[in-house]
Amino acid sequence: MSRKNARTRSPQRRKDVLHSRGGHQANDFRCVSCRLDVSVTALGTAHRNHCPHCLASRHVDKRIPGDRAEACHGRMEALCMSVRQDGEWLIIHCCASCGELSANRVAGDDNPLALVRLATRPLADPRYASRLLYAV
């Protein structure tokens, strides 16, 4: 290609990362861990911020679920599970950037195998349970 043709070419258009009709939904997001495109609408939760496949999250909420006021935006890794007195399951996340812990409700479309793996992780590796005690 000659230099003249290179100068007259128009700049490359920005491509949509979702190569489907309609493109991005307003609040959908891409998982920071497995890169799955995640819809924010899910059964059992009004403010989805974790991936239903790998359970990873992003540090976006500051004080109130859904406020999206946190400036950190670090990667939140699923540490363990917790259960409320009413039987509802929670995923405990730890921010890789600032170390803050947060609890997120399990959504209806979360991967059941990933949830069971997370719940039984301390049983499979006793050293993991002791690391959790020191993280909190």
C-alpha atoms as a PDB file:
ATOM      1  CA  MET A   1       0.000   0.000   0.000  1.00  0.00           C
ATOM      2  CA  SER A   2       1.424   3.393  -0.910  1.00  0.00           C
ATOM      3  CA  ARG A   3       1.741   6.237   1.584  1.00  0.00           C
ATOM      4  CA  LYS A   4      -0.787   8.272  -0.350  1.00  0.00           C
ATOM      5  CA  ASN A   5      -3.480   5.583   0.045  1.00  0.00           C
ATOM      6  CA  ALA A   6      -2.663   5.198   3.761  1.00  0.00           C
ATOM      7  CA  ARG A   7      -3.305   8.895   4.347  1.00  0.00           C
ATOM      8  CA  THR A   8      -6.618   8.963   2.526  1.00  0.00           C
ATOM      9  CA  ARG A   9      -8.108   5.951   4.281  1.00  0.00           C
ATOM     10  CA  SER A  10     -10.780   6.701   6.817  1.00  0.00           C
ATOM     11  CA  PRO A  11     -10.060   5.721  10.427  1.00  0.00           C
ATOM     12  CA  GLN A  12     -11.243   2.317  11.548  1.00  0.00           C
ATOM     13  CA  ARG A  13     -14.707   2.316  13.089  1.00  0.00           C
ATOM     14  CA  ARG A  14     -15.090   1.308  16.695  1.00  0.00           C
ATOM     15  CA  LYS A  15     -16.480  -2.222  16.864  1.00  0.00           C
ATOM     16  CA  ASP A  16     -19.182  -3.398  19.226  1.00  0.00           C
ATOM     17  CA  VAL A  17     -17.896  -6.138  21.548  1.00  0.00           C
ATOM     18  CA  LEU A  18     -21.231  -7.919  21.387  1.00  0.00           C
ATOM     19  CA  HIS A  19     -21.520  -9.028  17.794  1.00  0.00           C
ATOM     20  CA  SER A  20     -25.266  -9.511  17.941  1.00  0.00           C
ATOM     21  CA  ARG A  21     -28.364  -7.581  17.016  1.00  0.00           C
ATOM     22  CA  GLY A  22     -29.087  -4.767  19.420  1.00  0.00           C
ATOM     23  CA  GLY A  23     -25.570  -4.656  20.891  1.00  0.00           C
ATOM     24  CA  HIS A  24     -25.192  -3.810  24.572  1.00  0.00           C
ATOM     25  CA  GLN A  25     -28.102  -3.460  26.904  1.00  0.00           C
ATOM     26  CA  ALA A  26     -27.941  -0.317  29.046  1.00  0.00           C
ATOM     27  CA  ASN A  27     -26.686  -1.943  32.272  1.00  0.00           C
ATOM     28  CA  ASP A  28     -25.257  -5.262  31.076  1.00  0.00           C
ATOM     29  CA  PHE A  29     -21.599  -5.877  31.839  1.00  0.00           C
ATOM     30  CA  ARG A  30     -18.725  -8.159  30.923  1.00  0.00           C
ATOM     31  CA  CYS A  31     -17.254 -10.308  33.707  1.00  0.00           C
ATOM     32  CA  VAL A  32     -13.781  -9.200  34.832  1.00  0.00           C
ATOM     33  CA  SER A  33     -12.721 -12.828  35.278  1.00  0.00           C
ATOM     34  CA  CYS A  34     -14.244 -15.118  32.640  1.00  0.00           C
ATOM     35  CA  ARG A  35     -15.282 -12.340  30.175  1.00  0.00           C
ATOM     36  CA  LEU A  36     -18.866 -13.656  29.953  1.00  0.00           C
ATOM     37  CA  ASP A  37     -21.478 -11.061  28.976  1.00  0.00           C
ATOM     38  CA  VAL A  38     -23.828 -10.784  31.974  1.00  0.00           C
ATOM     39  CA  SER A  39     -27.344  -9.390  32.067  1.00  0.00           C
ATOM     40  CA  VAL A  40     -28.221  -7.403  35.173  1.00  0.00           C
ATOM     41  CA  THR A  41     -31.705  -8.890  35.289  1.00  0.00           C
ATOM     42  CA  ALA A  42     -31.809 -12.064  37.380  1.00  0.00           C
ATOM     43  CA  LEU A  43     -34.191 -13.845  39.702  1.00  0.00           C
ATOM     44  CA  GLY A  44     -33.558 -13.280  43.395  1.00  0.00           C
ATOM     45  CA  THR A  45     -31.619 -10.029  43.159  1.00  0.00           C
ATOM     46  CA  ALA A  46     -32.369  -6.454  42.168  1.00  0.00           C
ATOM     47  CA  HIS A  47     -28.758  -5.249  41.924  1.00  0.00           C
ATOM     48  CA  ARG A  48     -26.647  -7.851  40.174  1.00  0.00           C
ATOM     49  CA  ASN A  49     -22.924  -7.188  40.238  1.00  0.00           C
ATOM     50  CA  HIS A  50     -21.441 -10.682  40.058  1.00  0.00           C
ATOM     51  CA  CYS A  51     -21.023 -13.174  37.247  1.00  0.00           C
ATOM     52  CA  PRO A  52     -23.439 -16.146  37.374  1.00  0.00           C
ATOM     53  CA  HIS A  53     -20.804 -18.406  35.819  1.00  0.00           C
ATOM     54  CA  CYS A  54     -17.638 -17.843  37.888  1.00  0.00           C
ATOM     55  CA  LEU A  55     -19.126 -15.699  40.730  1.00  0.00           C
ATOM     56  CA  ALA A  56     -16.475 -12.963  40.335  1.00  0.00           C
ATOM     57  CA  SER A  57     -17.546  -9.377  40.882  1.00  0.00           C
ATOM     58  CA  ARG A  58     -16.340  -5.791  40.626  1.00  0.00           C
ATOM     59  CA  HIS A  59     -16.096  -3.367  43.557  1.00  0.00           C
ATOM     60  CA  VAL A  60     -18.822  -0.903  42.522  1.00  0.00           C
ATOM     61  CA  ASP A  61     -21.204  -0.489  45.488  1.00  0.00           C
ATOM     62  CA  LYS A  62     -20.151   1.689  48.416  1.00  0.00           C
ATOM     63  CA  ARG A  63     -22.738   1.533  51.207  1.00  0.00           C
ATOM     64  CA  ILE A  64     -26.085   0.581  49.685  1.00  0.00           C
ATOM     65  CA  PRO A  65     -26.553  -2.292  47.197  1.00  0.00           C
ATOM     66  CA  GLY A  66     -27.004  -0.807  43.744  1.00  0.00           C
ATOM     67  CA  ASP A  67     -25.617   2.665  44.534  1.00  0.00           C
ATOM     68  CA  ARG A  68     -22.573   2.133  42.235  1.00  0.00           C
ATOM     69  CA  ALA A  69     -20.757   4.890  44.178  1.00  0.00           C
ATOM     70  CA  GLU A  70     -17.464   3.103  44.945  1.00  0.00           C
ATOM     71  CA  ALA A  71     -14.430   4.620  43.224  1.00  0.00           C
ATOM     72  CA  CYS A  72     -12.207   1.525  43.614  1.00  0.00           C
ATOM     73  CA  HIS A  73     -13.713  -0.633  40.809  1.00  0.00           C
ATOM     74  CA  GLY A  74     -11.291  -3.421  41.742  1.00  0.00           C
ATOM     75  CA  ARG A  75     -11.794  -7.092  41.002  1.00  0.00           C
ATOM     76  CA  MET A  76     -13.796  -8.894  43.704  1.00  0.00           C
ATOM     77  CA  GLU A  77     -13.002 -12.574  44.142  1.00  0.00           C
ATOM     78  CA  ALA A  78     -15.508 -14.964  45.711  1.00  0.00           C
ATOM     79  CA  LEU A  79     -14.024 -16.167  49.012  1.00  0.00           C
ATOM     80  CA  CYS A  80     -16.721 -18.230  50.660  1.00  0.00           C
ATOM     81  CA  MET A  81     -20.426 -18.616  51.338  1.00  0.00           C
ATOM     82  CA  SER A  82     -22.542 -17.487  54.245  1.00  0.00           C
ATOM     83  CA  VAL A  83     -26.135 -18.245  55.175  1.00  0.00           C
ATOM     84  CA  ARG A  84     -28.583 -15.823  56.809  1.00  0.00           C
ATOM     85  CA  GLN A  85     -30.929 -16.945  59.563  1.00  0.00           C
ATOM     86  CA  ASP A  86     -33.789 -17.104  57.047  1.00  0.00           C
ATOM     87  CA  GLY A  87     -31.788 -19.591  54.915  1.00  0.00           C
ATOM     88  CA  GLU A  88     -30.747 -17.177  52.172  1.00  0.00           C
ATOM     89  CA  TRP A  89     -27.250 -17.809  50.755  1.00  0.00           C
ATOM     90  CA  LEU A  90     -24.712 -15.006  50.396  1.00  0.00           C
ATOM     91  CA  ILE A  91     -21.437 -14.904  48.486  1.00  0.00           C
ATOM     92  CA  ILE A  92     -18.612 -13.216  50.399  1.00  0.00           C
ATOM     93  CA  HIS A  93     -16.313 -11.283  48.063  1.00  0.00           C
ATOM     94  CA  CYS A  94     -12.919  -9.717  48.780  1.00  0.00           C
ATOM     95  CA  CYS A  95     -11.583  -6.831  46.685  1.00  0.00           C
ATOM     96  CA  ALA A  96      -8.155  -7.587  45.207  1.00  0.00           C
ATOM     97  CA  SER A  97      -7.331  -3.850  45.119  1.00  0.00           C
ATOM     98  CA  CYS A  98      -8.367  -2.517  48.538  1.00  0.00           C
ATOM     99  CA  GLY A  99      -9.119  -5.705  50.522  1.00  0.00           C
ATOM    100  CA  GLU A 100     -12.691  -4.735  51.475  1.00  0.00           C
ATOM    101  CA  LEU A 101     -15.172  -7.563  52.094  1.00  0.00           C
ATOM    102  CA  SER A 102     -18.757  -7.518  50.858  1.00  0.00           C
ATOM    103  CA  ALA A 103     -21.730  -9.885  50.836  1.00  0.00           C
ATOM    104  CA  ASN A 104     -23.889 -10.428  47.742  1.00  0.00           C
ATOM    105  CA  ARG A 105     -27.134 -12.360  47.538  1.00  0.00           C
ATOM    106  CA  VAL A 106     -27.096 -15.481  45.407  1.00  0.00           C
ATOM    107  CA  ALA A 107     -29.102 -14.944  42.214  1.00  0.00           C
ATOM    108  CA  GLY A 108     -31.498 -17.479  40.736  1.00  0.00           C
ATOM    109  CA  ASP A 109     -29.359 -18.131  37.669  1.00  0.00           C
ATOM    110  CA  ASP A 110     -26.010 -18.541  39.454  1.00  0.00           C
ATOM    111  CA  ASN A 111     -24.110 -21.678  38.490  1.00  0.00           C
ATOM    112  CA  PRO A 112     -25.057 -24.305  41.118  1.00  0.00           C
ATOM    113  CA  LEU A 113     -21.786 -26.192  40.672  1.00  0.00           C
ATOM    114  CA  ALA A 114     -19.755 -23.008  41.275  1.00  0.00           C
ATOM    115  CA  LEU A 115     -21.835 -22.293  44.408  1.00  0.00           C
ATOM    116  CA  VAL A 116     -21.288 -25.799  45.823  1.00  0.00           C
ATOM    117  CA  ARG A 117     -17.558 -25.622  45.030  1.00  0.00           C
ATOM    118  CA  LEU A 118     -17.351 -22.314  46.866  1.00  0.00           C
ATOM    119  CA  ALA A 119     -19.327 -23.639  49.854  1.00  0.00           C
ATOM    120  CA  THR A 120     -17.196 -26.791  50.166  1.00  0.00           C
ATOM    121  CA  ARG A 121     -13.808 -25.164  49.494  1.00  0.00           C
ATOM    122  CA  PRO A 122     -12.858 -25.052  53.225  1.00  0.00           C
ATOM    123  CA  LEU A 123     -13.634 -28.781  53.524  1.00  0.00           C
ATOM    124  CA  ALA A 124     -11.435 -29.667  50.554  1.00  0.00           C
ATOM    125  CA  ASP A 125      -8.447 -27.600  51.721  1.00  0.00           C
ATOM    126  CA  PRO A 126      -8.106 -27.095  55.509  1.00  0.00           C
ATOM    127  CA  ARG A 127      -5.398 -24.448  54.955  1.00  0.00           C
ATOM    128  CA  TYR A 128      -7.962 -22.383  53.021  1.00  0.00           C
ATOM    129  CA  ALA A 129     -10.235 -22.164  56.085  1.00  0.00           C
ATOM    130  CA  SER A 130      -7.413 -20.790  58.236  1.00  0.00           C
ATOM    131  CA  ARG A 131      -6.612 -18.175  55.563  1.00  0.00           C
ATOM    132  CA  LEU A 132     -10.262 -17.057  55.651  1.00  0.00           C
ATOM    133  CA  LEU A 133     -10.106 -16.524  59.404  1.00  0.00           C
ATOM    134  CA  TYR A 134      -7.139 -14.184  59.023  1.00  0.00           C
ATOM    135  CA  ALA A 135      -8.747 -12.305  56.086  1.00  0.00           C
ATOM    136  CA  VAL A 136     -11.714 -11.280  58.216  1.00  0.00           C
END
